[in-house]
Amino acid sequence: MGKLGNRTAEILLVEDNEGDAFLIESALKEAGFPSRIRHVADGPSALEYLHSRPGGNPIPDLVLLDLNLPGMDGREILAQLKGDEELRRIPVIVLTTSDNPQDIQSSYDRLANCYVTKPVQIDEFFESIRAIAEFWFRVATLPGPN
């Protein structure tokens, strides 16, 4: 089970593209790590979920964040998340189509834990998601609940 022990990984997926969200969720399931994925399609919904955690949902173990979102982009979400005392320890993986050096630098300036450009080829896309899951749930030690 990796560093989570017997616990199910809690993942917040912030992705407005339904097709990409489906592929990410499918790849995570295929990777074989027990996880519960909460999917929101925009920035305000992500922040609302993180602050209210409806139904007593725990703080996510990992956030997968697209940069180009409607309403409030991923950069702003990242800055708010990392500026919040309760939420800043959550690892945030920027998972986006942009390979623009300014986007990469800007994400790390806002304390992203990792930046991954979504591969175009489906097999490479699945491999990238499996590698993210492998690293964050088997290799890395996550901070856990506050």
N, C-alpha and C. Protein backbone atom coordinates (compact mmCIF):
# COMPACT_ATOMS: atom_id res chain seq x y z
N MET A 1 0.80 -1.20 0.00
CA MET A 1 0.00 0.00 0.00
C MET A 1 0.84 1.26 0.00
N GLY A 2 2.11 1.17 0.35
CA GLY A 2 2.94 2.35 0.33
C GLY A 2 2.87 3.14 1.61
N LYS A 3 3.19 4.41 1.52
CA LYS A 3 3.31 5.27 2.68
C LYS A 3 1.97 5.62 3.31
N LEU A 4 0.87 5.32 2.64
CA LEU A 4 -0.44 5.61 3.21
C LEU A 4 -0.91 4.50 4.14
N GLY A 5 -0.16 3.40 4.19
CA GLY A 5 -0.61 2.26 5.00
C GLY A 5 -1.84 1.66 4.36
N ASN A 6 -2.84 1.37 5.17
CA ASN A 6 -4.08 0.79 4.64
C ASN A 6 -5.12 1.85 4.29
N ARG A 7 -4.74 3.09 4.42
CA ARG A 7 -5.67 4.19 4.20
C ARG A 7 -5.86 4.47 2.71
N THR A 8 -7.07 4.84 2.35
CA THR A 8 -7.39 5.24 0.98
C THR A 8 -6.90 6.66 0.75
N ALA A 9 -6.23 6.90 -0.35
CA ALA A 9 -5.74 8.23 -0.69
C ALA A 9 -6.91 9.12 -1.08
N GLU A 10 -6.89 10.32 -0.55
CA GLU A 10 -7.91 11.33 -0.88
C GLU A 10 -7.28 12.29 -1.90
N ILE A 11 -7.89 12.38 -3.08
CA ILE A 11 -7.36 13.21 -4.16
C ILE A 11 -8.42 14.22 -4.58
N LEU A 12 -8.01 15.47 -4.68
CA LEU A 12 -8.88 16.48 -5.27
C LEU A 12 -8.36 16.77 -6.67
N LEU A 13 -9.20 16.53 -7.66
CA LEU A 13 -8.87 16.79 -9.06
C LEU A 13 -9.58 18.06 -9.49
N VAL A 14 -8.81 19.07 -9.86
CA VAL A 14 -9.37 20.34 -10.31
C VAL A 14 -9.09 20.43 -11.81
N GLU A 15 -10.11 20.11 -12.59
CA GLU A 15 -9.94 19.96 -14.04
C GLU A 15 -11.26 20.30 -14.73
N ASP A 16 -11.24 21.27 -15.65
CA ASP A 16 -12.47 21.66 -16.34
C ASP A 16 -12.75 20.82 -17.57
N ASN A 17 -11.77 20.13 -18.11
CA ASN A 17 -11.97 19.30 -19.30
C ASN A 17 -12.46 17.92 -18.85
N GLU A 18 -13.71 17.62 -19.15
CA GLU A 18 -14.31 16.35 -18.70
C GLU A 18 -13.57 15.13 -19.26
N GLY A 19 -13.09 15.25 -20.51
CA GLY A 19 -12.34 14.14 -21.11
C GLY A 19 -11.04 13.88 -20.37
N ASP A 20 -10.30 14.94 -20.06
CA ASP A 20 -9.06 14.78 -19.30
C ASP A 20 -9.34 14.25 -17.89
N ALA A 21 -10.41 14.75 -17.27
CA ALA A 21 -10.76 14.28 -15.93
C ALA A 21 -11.05 12.78 -15.95
N PHE A 22 -11.79 12.33 -16.96
CA PHE A 22 -12.09 10.91 -17.10
C PHE A 22 -10.80 10.10 -17.27
N LEU A 23 -9.89 10.58 -18.12
CA LEU A 23 -8.63 9.87 -18.33
C LEU A 23 -7.78 9.82 -17.06
N ILE A 24 -7.73 10.92 -16.33
CA ILE A 24 -6.95 10.96 -15.10
C ILE A 24 -7.53 9.98 -14.08
N GLU A 25 -8.84 10.01 -13.91
CA GLU A 25 -9.48 9.09 -12.97
C GLU A 25 -9.26 7.64 -13.39
N SER A 26 -9.38 7.35 -14.68
CA SER A 26 -9.16 5.99 -15.18
C SER A 26 -7.72 5.54 -14.93
N ALA A 27 -6.76 6.42 -15.20
CA ALA A 27 -5.35 6.07 -15.01
C ALA A 27 -5.04 5.84 -13.53
N LEU A 28 -5.62 6.64 -12.66
CA LEU A 28 -5.40 6.44 -11.21
C LEU A 28 -5.97 5.11 -10.75
N LYS A 29 -7.15 4.77 -11.24
CA LYS A 29 -7.74 3.47 -10.89
C LYS A 29 -6.88 2.33 -11.41
N GLU A 30 -6.41 2.47 -12.65
CA GLU A 30 -5.57 1.44 -13.27
C GLU A 30 -4.24 1.28 -12.52
N ALA A 31 -3.76 2.37 -11.91
CA ALA A 31 -2.50 2.31 -11.18
C ALA A 31 -2.59 1.41 -9.95
N GLY A 32 -3.81 1.15 -9.48
CA GLY A 32 -4.00 0.18 -8.41
C GLY A 32 -3.84 0.72 -7.00
N PHE A 33 -3.81 2.03 -6.84
CA PHE A 33 -3.73 2.60 -5.49
C PHE A 33 -5.14 2.91 -5.03
N PRO A 34 -5.50 2.45 -3.84
CA PRO A 34 -6.84 2.77 -3.34
C PRO A 34 -6.97 4.28 -3.17
N SER A 35 -7.91 4.86 -3.89
CA SER A 35 -8.07 6.31 -3.80
C SER A 35 -9.53 6.69 -3.97
N ARG A 36 -9.86 7.82 -3.37
CA ARG A 36 -11.17 8.44 -3.54
C ARG A 36 -10.89 9.78 -4.21
N ILE A 37 -11.45 9.95 -5.40
CA ILE A 37 -11.18 11.13 -6.19
C ILE A 37 -12.40 12.05 -6.15
N ARG A 38 -12.17 13.28 -5.73
CA ARG A 38 -13.21 14.31 -5.77
C ARG A 38 -12.86 15.21 -6.94
N HIS A 39 -13.81 15.38 -7.85
CA HIS A 39 -13.54 16.16 -9.05
C HIS A 39 -14.37 17.44 -9.02
N VAL A 40 -13.70 18.57 -9.21
CA VAL A 40 -14.37 19.85 -9.39
C VAL A 40 -13.84 20.47 -10.68
N ALA A 41 -14.68 21.31 -11.31
CA ALA A 41 -14.33 21.80 -12.64
C ALA A 41 -13.88 23.25 -12.68
N ASP A 42 -13.82 23.92 -11.52
CA ASP A 42 -13.39 25.31 -11.55
C ASP A 42 -12.77 25.70 -10.21
N GLY A 43 -12.12 26.85 -10.23
CA GLY A 43 -11.40 27.33 -9.05
C GLY A 43 -12.27 27.59 -7.84
N PRO A 44 -13.37 28.35 -8.00
CA PRO A 44 -14.22 28.60 -6.83
C PRO A 44 -14.73 27.31 -6.18
N SER A 45 -15.08 26.32 -6.99
CA SER A 45 -15.55 25.04 -6.45
C SER A 45 -14.43 24.32 -5.69
N ALA A 46 -13.20 24.44 -6.20
CA ALA A 46 -12.06 23.81 -5.52
C ALA A 46 -11.85 24.44 -4.15
N LEU A 47 -11.85 25.76 -4.09
CA LEU A 47 -11.63 26.44 -2.81
C LEU A 47 -12.78 26.19 -1.85
N GLU A 48 -14.01 26.17 -2.37
CA GLU A 48 -15.16 25.87 -1.51
C GLU A 48 -15.04 24.47 -0.93
N TYR A 49 -14.68 23.50 -1.78
CA TYR A 49 -14.51 22.13 -1.29
C TYR A 49 -13.42 22.07 -0.22
N LEU A 50 -12.28 22.68 -0.48
CA LEU A 50 -11.16 22.62 0.46
C LEU A 50 -11.49 23.28 1.80
N HIS A 51 -12.25 24.34 1.77
CA HIS A 51 -12.56 25.05 3.01
C HIS A 51 -13.73 24.43 3.77
N SER A 52 -14.72 23.88 3.04
CA SER A 52 -15.90 23.35 3.74
C SER A 52 -15.87 21.84 3.91
N ARG A 53 -15.19 21.13 3.01
CA ARG A 53 -15.13 19.67 3.02
C ARG A 53 -16.49 19.07 3.38
N PRO A 54 -17.44 19.19 2.45
CA PRO A 54 -18.82 18.72 2.69
C PRO A 54 -18.87 17.27 3.12
N GLY A 55 -19.80 16.98 4.00
CA GLY A 55 -19.97 15.61 4.47
C GLY A 55 -18.84 15.13 5.35
N GLY A 56 -18.03 16.04 5.86
CA GLY A 56 -16.93 15.64 6.73
C GLY A 56 -15.76 15.02 6.00
N ASN A 57 -15.68 15.25 4.69
CA ASN A 57 -14.55 14.70 3.93
C ASN A 57 -13.23 15.22 4.49
N PRO A 58 -12.22 14.36 4.51
CA PRO A 58 -10.92 14.78 5.03
C PRO A 58 -10.19 15.73 4.07
N ILE A 59 -9.18 16.39 4.59
CA ILE A 59 -8.31 17.19 3.74
C ILE A 59 -7.66 16.24 2.74
N PRO A 60 -7.61 16.63 1.45
CA PRO A 60 -7.00 15.73 0.46
C PRO A 60 -5.52 15.47 0.75
N ASP A 61 -5.08 14.29 0.35
CA ASP A 61 -3.66 13.94 0.44
C ASP A 61 -2.89 14.58 -0.71
N LEU A 62 -3.59 14.87 -1.80
CA LEU A 62 -2.96 15.36 -3.01
C LEU A 62 -3.98 16.16 -3.82
N VAL A 63 -3.52 17.26 -4.42
CA VAL A 63 -4.36 18.02 -5.34
C VAL A 63 -3.72 17.95 -6.71
N LEU A 64 -4.51 17.56 -7.71
CA LEU A 64 -4.10 17.60 -9.11
C LEU A 64 -4.79 18.80 -9.71
N LEU A 65 -4.01 19.79 -10.15
CA LEU A 65 -4.55 21.10 -10.50
C LEU A 65 -4.21 21.50 -11.93
N ASP A 66 -5.24 21.73 -12.73
CA ASP A 66 -5.04 22.30 -14.05
C ASP A 66 -4.82 23.81 -13.89
N LEU A 67 -4.05 24.41 -14.77
CA LEU A 67 -3.82 25.86 -14.68
C LEU A 67 -4.92 26.67 -15.35
N ASN A 68 -5.37 26.22 -16.48
CA ASN A 68 -6.30 27.01 -17.29
C ASN A 68 -7.73 26.60 -16.98
N LEU A 69 -8.31 27.32 -16.03
CA LEU A 69 -9.66 27.02 -15.55
C LEU A 69 -10.55 28.23 -15.76
N PRO A 70 -11.85 28.01 -15.88
CA PRO A 70 -12.76 29.15 -16.01
C PRO A 70 -12.92 29.88 -14.67
N GLY A 71 -13.11 31.17 -14.76
CA GLY A 71 -13.38 31.96 -13.56
C GLY A 71 -12.15 32.34 -12.77
N MET A 72 -11.50 31.39 -12.20
CA MET A 72 -10.31 31.60 -11.39
C MET A 72 -9.29 30.57 -11.86
N ASP A 73 -8.15 31.03 -12.34
CA ASP A 73 -7.20 30.06 -12.89
C ASP A 73 -6.41 29.34 -11.80
N GLY A 74 -5.72 28.32 -12.21
CA GLY A 74 -4.98 27.47 -11.28
C GLY A 74 -3.89 28.19 -10.52
N ARG A 75 -3.33 29.22 -11.12
CA ARG A 75 -2.29 29.99 -10.44
C ARG A 75 -2.84 30.66 -9.18
N GLU A 76 -4.03 31.23 -9.31
CA GLU A 76 -4.66 31.88 -8.16
C GLU A 76 -5.07 30.86 -7.09
N ILE A 77 -5.58 29.73 -7.52
CA ILE A 77 -5.94 28.67 -6.57
C ILE A 77 -4.69 28.22 -5.82
N LEU A 78 -3.61 28.00 -6.56
CA LEU A 78 -2.36 27.56 -5.96
C LEU A 78 -1.86 28.57 -4.93
N ALA A 79 -1.89 29.85 -5.28
CA ALA A 79 -1.43 30.89 -4.36
C ALA A 79 -2.29 30.91 -3.10
N GLN A 80 -3.61 30.78 -3.25
CA GLN A 80 -4.49 30.79 -2.08
C GLN A 80 -4.28 29.55 -1.22
N LEU A 81 -4.14 28.41 -1.86
CA LEU A 81 -3.93 27.16 -1.13
C LEU A 81 -2.64 27.22 -0.31
N LYS A 82 -1.56 27.64 -0.95
CA LYS A 82 -0.26 27.67 -0.27
C LYS A 82 -0.16 28.80 0.74
N GLY A 83 -1.08 29.77 0.67
CA GLY A 83 -1.11 30.85 1.64
C GLY A 83 -2.00 30.56 2.84
N ASP A 84 -2.66 29.41 2.83
CA ASP A 84 -3.60 29.05 3.89
C ASP A 84 -2.91 28.14 4.90
N GLU A 85 -2.91 28.53 6.14
CA GLU A 85 -2.24 27.79 7.22
C GLU A 85 -2.68 26.32 7.29
N GLU A 86 -3.97 26.07 7.11
CA GLU A 86 -4.50 24.71 7.23
C GLU A 86 -4.22 23.85 6.00
N LEU A 87 -4.13 24.48 4.84
CA LEU A 87 -4.08 23.73 3.58
C LEU A 87 -2.73 23.71 2.89
N ARG A 88 -1.80 24.53 3.30
CA ARG A 88 -0.57 24.71 2.53
C ARG A 88 0.33 23.48 2.45
N ARG A 89 0.16 22.53 3.35
CA ARG A 89 1.01 21.33 3.32
C ARG A 89 0.54 20.29 2.30
N ILE A 90 -0.65 20.48 1.77
CA ILE A 90 -1.16 19.51 0.78
C ILE A 90 -0.28 19.60 -0.46
N PRO A 91 0.29 18.49 -0.89
CA PRO A 91 1.06 18.52 -2.14
C PRO A 91 0.14 18.85 -3.32
N VAL A 92 0.59 19.80 -4.13
CA VAL A 92 -0.17 20.22 -5.31
C VAL A 92 0.66 19.91 -6.55
N ILE A 93 0.07 19.08 -7.40
CA ILE A 93 0.70 18.73 -8.67
C ILE A 93 -0.01 19.53 -9.75
N VAL A 94 0.70 20.44 -10.40
CA VAL A 94 0.12 21.15 -11.53
C VAL A 94 0.17 20.18 -12.70
N LEU A 95 -1.00 19.90 -13.25
CA LEU A 95 -1.14 18.95 -14.35
C LEU A 95 -1.88 19.68 -15.46
N THR A 96 -1.13 20.11 -16.47
CA THR A 96 -1.69 21.03 -17.46
C THR A 96 -1.13 20.75 -18.85
N THR A 97 -1.75 21.35 -19.85
CA THR A 97 -1.26 21.20 -21.22
C THR A 97 -0.12 22.16 -21.53
N SER A 98 0.06 23.18 -20.70
CA SER A 98 1.06 24.21 -20.98
C SER A 98 2.48 23.74 -20.68
N ASP A 99 3.35 23.97 -21.65
CA ASP A 99 4.78 23.75 -21.41
C ASP A 99 5.53 25.09 -21.47
N ASN A 100 4.78 26.17 -21.31
CA ASN A 100 5.33 27.52 -21.33
C ASN A 100 6.25 27.72 -20.12
N PRO A 101 7.51 28.10 -20.34
CA PRO A 101 8.43 28.30 -19.21
C PRO A 101 7.91 29.29 -18.17
N GLN A 102 7.16 30.29 -18.60
CA GLN A 102 6.60 31.25 -17.63
C GLN A 102 5.57 30.58 -16.72
N ASP A 103 4.76 29.69 -17.28
CA ASP A 103 3.79 28.96 -16.45
C ASP A 103 4.49 28.04 -15.46
N ILE A 104 5.55 27.40 -15.92
CA ILE A 104 6.31 26.50 -15.05
C ILE A 104 6.93 27.29 -13.90
N GLN A 105 7.61 28.39 -14.23
CA GLN A 105 8.24 29.22 -13.21
C GLN A 105 7.21 29.80 -12.25
N SER A 106 6.13 30.30 -12.79
CA SER A 106 5.06 30.89 -11.98
C SER A 106 4.47 29.87 -11.01
N SER A 107 4.31 28.64 -11.46
CA SER A 107 3.76 27.59 -10.58
C SER A 107 4.71 27.28 -9.44
N TYR A 108 5.99 27.16 -9.74
CA TYR A 108 6.95 26.89 -8.67
C TYR A 108 7.11 28.11 -7.76
N ASP A 109 7.00 29.32 -8.30
CA ASP A 109 7.04 30.51 -7.46
C ASP A 109 5.88 30.51 -6.46
N ARG A 110 4.76 29.90 -6.85
CA ARG A 110 3.60 29.82 -5.97
C ARG A 110 3.61 28.53 -5.13
N LEU A 111 4.76 27.87 -5.12
CA LEU A 111 5.02 26.70 -4.26
C LEU A 111 4.33 25.41 -4.70
N ALA A 112 4.15 25.24 -6.02
CA ALA A 112 3.70 23.94 -6.52
C ALA A 112 4.73 22.90 -6.12
N ASN A 113 4.28 21.71 -5.82
CA ASN A 113 5.19 20.63 -5.46
C ASN A 113 5.75 19.92 -6.68
N CYS A 114 5.05 20.05 -7.80
CA CYS A 114 5.47 19.37 -9.02
C CYS A 114 4.71 19.98 -10.19
N TYR A 115 5.32 19.99 -11.36
CA TYR A 115 4.69 20.51 -12.58
C TYR A 115 4.80 19.42 -13.63
N VAL A 116 3.67 18.98 -14.17
CA VAL A 116 3.65 17.94 -15.19
C VAL A 116 2.85 18.44 -16.38
N THR A 117 3.46 18.38 -17.55
CA THR A 117 2.75 18.72 -18.78
C THR A 117 2.04 17.47 -19.26
N LYS A 118 0.74 17.59 -19.51
CA LYS A 118 -0.05 16.44 -19.96
C LYS A 118 0.45 15.97 -21.33
N PRO A 119 0.86 14.73 -21.42
CA PRO A 119 1.26 14.20 -22.73
C PRO A 119 0.06 14.09 -23.67
N VAL A 120 0.31 14.21 -24.95
CA VAL A 120 -0.75 14.14 -25.95
C VAL A 120 -1.13 12.68 -26.23
N GLN A 121 -0.14 11.81 -26.28
CA GLN A 121 -0.39 10.39 -26.57
C GLN A 121 -1.02 9.70 -25.35
N ILE A 122 -2.06 8.93 -25.58
CA ILE A 122 -2.82 8.32 -24.48
C ILE A 122 -1.97 7.41 -23.61
N ASP A 123 -1.08 6.60 -24.22
CA ASP A 123 -0.26 5.70 -23.41
C ASP A 123 0.72 6.48 -22.55
N GLU A 124 1.26 7.57 -23.06
CA GLU A 124 2.16 8.42 -22.27
C GLU A 124 1.39 9.16 -21.17
N PHE A 125 0.15 9.55 -21.48
CA PHE A 125 -0.71 10.20 -20.50
C PHE A 125 -0.94 9.26 -19.31
N PHE A 126 -1.33 8.02 -19.60
CA PHE A 126 -1.57 7.04 -18.53
C PHE A 126 -0.29 6.77 -17.74
N GLU A 127 0.84 6.68 -18.43
CA GLU A 127 2.11 6.43 -17.75
C GLU A 127 2.47 7.58 -16.82
N SER A 128 2.22 8.81 -17.24
CA SER A 128 2.50 9.96 -16.38
C SER A 128 1.65 9.93 -15.12
N ILE A 129 0.38 9.61 -15.26
CA ILE A 129 -0.52 9.55 -14.09
C ILE A 129 -0.10 8.41 -13.17
N ARG A 130 0.26 7.27 -13.74
CA ARG A 130 0.74 6.14 -12.91
C ARG A 130 2.01 6.53 -12.16
N ALA A 131 2.91 7.26 -12.83
CA ALA A 131 4.15 7.68 -12.18
C ALA A 131 3.87 8.66 -11.03
N ILE A 132 2.92 9.55 -11.23
CA ILE A 132 2.52 10.47 -10.15
C ILE A 132 2.01 9.66 -8.96
N ALA A 133 1.11 8.73 -9.21
CA ALA A 133 0.55 7.91 -8.13
C ALA A 133 1.64 7.09 -7.46
N GLU A 134 2.50 6.49 -8.24
CA GLU A 134 3.60 5.68 -7.69
C GLU A 134 4.47 6.52 -6.75
N PHE A 135 4.87 7.68 -7.21
CA PHE A 135 5.74 8.51 -6.38
C PHE A 135 5.04 9.01 -5.14
N TRP A 136 3.87 9.64 -5.30
CA TRP A 136 3.22 10.29 -4.17
C TRP A 136 2.59 9.31 -3.19
N PHE A 137 2.23 8.11 -3.62
CA PHE A 137 1.57 7.16 -2.71
C PHE A 137 2.43 5.98 -2.31
N ARG A 138 3.56 5.77 -2.97
CA ARG A 138 4.42 4.65 -2.60
C ARG A 138 5.79 5.12 -2.13
N VAL A 139 6.32 6.18 -2.71
CA VAL A 139 7.68 6.62 -2.40
C VAL A 139 7.69 7.76 -1.38
N ALA A 140 6.95 8.79 -1.65
CA ALA A 140 6.94 9.99 -0.79
C ALA A 140 6.19 9.72 0.50
N THR A 141 6.59 10.42 1.54
CA THR A 141 5.84 10.42 2.79
C THR A 141 5.02 11.69 2.81
N LEU A 142 3.70 11.53 2.87
CA LEU A 142 2.79 12.67 2.85
C LEU A 142 2.63 13.25 4.25
N PRO A 143 2.29 14.53 4.33
CA PRO A 143 2.21 15.19 5.63
C PRO A 143 1.09 14.66 6.52
N GLY A 144 0.01 14.15 5.96
CA GLY A 144 -1.09 13.67 6.78
C GLY A 144 -1.94 14.79 7.33
N PRO A 145 -3.03 14.43 8.01
CA PRO A 145 -3.92 15.45 8.56
C PRO A 145 -3.21 16.33 9.58
N ASN A 146 -3.65 17.59 9.63
CA ASN A 146 -3.06 18.55 10.58
C ASN A 146 -3.50 18.23 11.99
